[in-house]
Amino acid sequence: MPETTDISVSGESIIGDVIEQIPGAADVIEKYFGNGCFTCPGIRMESINFGATMHGVNAEDVVADLRALLK
């Protein structure tokens, strides 16, 4: 697993990649998008921006919470 300091997160980041690379990211994704993401095949190709749009949340809030995990 890569060092978390080598990982960057943006709205274009793929949800599945973020969950795999950042410890605790699954909790953030569940907080904003619910637990349906974990069984959705789109997790491998959908970005945080797309997920935020689909779930009616602000993508920058999701990104900020994920970036906080990297500190």
C-alpha atoms as a PDB file:
ATOM      1  CA  MET A   1       0.000   0.000   0.000  1.00  0.00           C
ATOM      2  CA  PRO A   2       1.380   3.445  -0.883  1.00  0.00           C
ATOM      3  CA  GLU A   3       2.230   5.989   1.741  1.00  0.00           C
ATOM      4  CA  THR A   4      -0.741   8.255   2.290  1.00  0.00           C
ATOM      5  CA  THR A   5       1.537  11.260   1.746  1.00  0.00           C
ATOM      6  CA  ASP A   6       1.957  10.135  -1.906  1.00  0.00           C
ATOM      7  CA  ILE A   7      -1.788  10.182  -2.534  1.00  0.00           C
ATOM      8  CA  SER A   8      -3.772  13.147  -3.717  1.00  0.00           C
ATOM      9  CA  VAL A   9      -7.542  13.439  -3.731  1.00  0.00           C
ATOM     10  CA  SER A  10      -9.664  15.568  -6.037  1.00  0.00           C
ATOM     11  CA  GLY A  11     -13.183  15.536  -7.320  1.00  0.00           C
ATOM     12  CA  GLU A  12     -11.933  13.536 -10.290  1.00  0.00           C
ATOM     13  CA  SER A  13     -10.567  10.741  -8.073  1.00  0.00           C
ATOM     14  CA  ILE A  14     -12.247   7.380  -8.630  1.00  0.00           C
ATOM     15  CA  ILE A  15     -14.240   6.334  -5.565  1.00  0.00           C
ATOM     16  CA  GLY A  16     -12.951   2.741  -5.537  1.00  0.00           C
ATOM     17  CA  ASP A  17      -9.325   3.875  -5.793  1.00  0.00           C
ATOM     18  CA  VAL A  18      -9.750   6.263  -2.880  1.00  0.00           C
ATOM     19  CA  ILE A  19     -11.299   3.554  -0.720  1.00  0.00           C
ATOM     20  CA  GLU A  20      -8.412   1.188  -1.491  1.00  0.00           C
ATOM     21  CA  GLN A  21      -5.647   3.743  -0.969  1.00  0.00           C
ATOM     22  CA  ILE A  22      -6.738   5.750   2.061  1.00  0.00           C
ATOM     23  CA  PRO A  23      -7.409   4.127   5.423  1.00  0.00           C
ATOM     24  CA  GLY A  24     -10.737   5.399   6.740  1.00  0.00           C
ATOM     25  CA  ALA A  25     -11.986   6.569   3.327  1.00  0.00           C
ATOM     26  CA  ALA A  26     -14.782   4.003   3.300  1.00  0.00           C
ATOM     27  CA  ASP A  27     -16.296   5.727   6.340  1.00  0.00           C
ATOM     28  CA  VAL A  28     -16.220   9.099   4.567  1.00  0.00           C
ATOM     29  CA  ILE A  29     -17.774   7.667   1.413  1.00  0.00           C
ATOM     30  CA  GLU A  30     -20.503   5.992   3.464  1.00  0.00           C
ATOM     31  CA  LYS A  31     -21.155   9.251   5.361  1.00  0.00           C
ATOM     32  CA  TYR A  32     -21.902  11.154   2.150  1.00  0.00           C
ATOM     33  CA  PHE A  33     -23.062   8.484  -0.300  1.00  0.00           C
ATOM     34  CA  GLY A  34     -24.479   5.722   1.903  1.00  0.00           C
ATOM     35  CA  ASN A  35     -23.390   2.090   1.882  1.00  0.00           C
ATOM     36  CA  GLY A  36     -24.774   1.333  -1.588  1.00  0.00           C
ATOM     37  CA  CYS A  37     -21.455   2.388  -3.141  1.00  0.00           C
ATOM     38  CA  PHE A  38     -19.766  -0.705  -1.809  1.00  0.00           C
ATOM     39  CA  THR A  39     -21.894  -3.047  -3.925  1.00  0.00           C
ATOM     40  CA  CYS A  40     -22.255  -0.796  -6.980  1.00  0.00           C
ATOM     41  CA  PRO A  41     -20.102  -1.774  -9.984  1.00  0.00           C
ATOM     42  CA  GLY A  42     -19.697   1.935 -10.767  1.00  0.00           C
ATOM     43  CA  ILE A  43     -17.318   2.281  -7.818  1.00  0.00           C
ATOM     44  CA  ARG A  44     -14.479   1.341 -10.213  1.00  0.00           C
ATOM     45  CA  MET A  45     -15.224   4.085 -12.747  1.00  0.00           C
ATOM     46  CA  GLU A  46     -17.187   6.845 -11.041  1.00  0.00           C
ATOM     47  CA  SER A  47     -15.504   9.928  -9.649  1.00  0.00           C
ATOM     48  CA  ILE A  48     -16.191  11.696  -6.384  1.00  0.00           C
ATOM     49  CA  ASN A  49     -17.745  14.534  -8.422  1.00  0.00           C
ATOM     50  CA  PHE A  50     -20.146  12.106 -10.103  1.00  0.00           C
ATOM     51  CA  GLY A  51     -21.072  10.443  -6.817  1.00  0.00           C
ATOM     52  CA  ALA A  52     -21.663  13.805  -5.187  1.00  0.00           C
ATOM     53  CA  THR A  53     -23.936  14.877  -8.029  1.00  0.00           C
ATOM     54  CA  MET A  54     -25.896  11.634  -7.869  1.00  0.00           C
ATOM     55  CA  HIS A  55     -26.335  11.919  -4.097  1.00  0.00           C
ATOM     56  CA  GLY A  56     -26.976  15.666  -3.939  1.00  0.00           C
ATOM     57  CA  VAL A  57     -23.950  16.538  -1.831  1.00  0.00           C
ATOM     58  CA  ASN A  58     -21.096  18.995  -2.267  1.00  0.00           C
ATOM     59  CA  ALA A  59     -18.074  17.218  -3.763  1.00  0.00           C
ATOM     60  CA  GLU A  60     -15.678  19.653  -2.080  1.00  0.00           C
ATOM     61  CA  ASP A  61     -16.978  18.583   1.337  1.00  0.00           C
ATOM     62  CA  VAL A  62     -16.262  14.954   0.489  1.00  0.00           C
ATOM     63  CA  VAL A  63     -12.790  15.813  -0.845  1.00  0.00           C
ATOM     64  CA  ALA A  64     -12.003  17.906   2.244  1.00  0.00           C
ATOM     65  CA  ASP A  65     -12.932  15.057   4.583  1.00  0.00           C
ATOM     66  CA  LEU A  66     -10.843  12.614   2.548  1.00  0.00           C
ATOM     67  CA  ARG A  67      -7.853  14.966   2.497  1.00  0.00           C
ATOM     68  CA  ALA A  68      -8.103  15.296   6.275  1.00  0.00           C
ATOM     69  CA  LEU A  69      -7.390  11.559   6.485  1.00  0.00           C
ATOM     70  CA  LEU A  70      -4.064  12.143   4.754  1.00  0.00           C
ATOM     71  CA  LYS A  71      -2.753  14.458   7.478  1.00  0.00           C
END
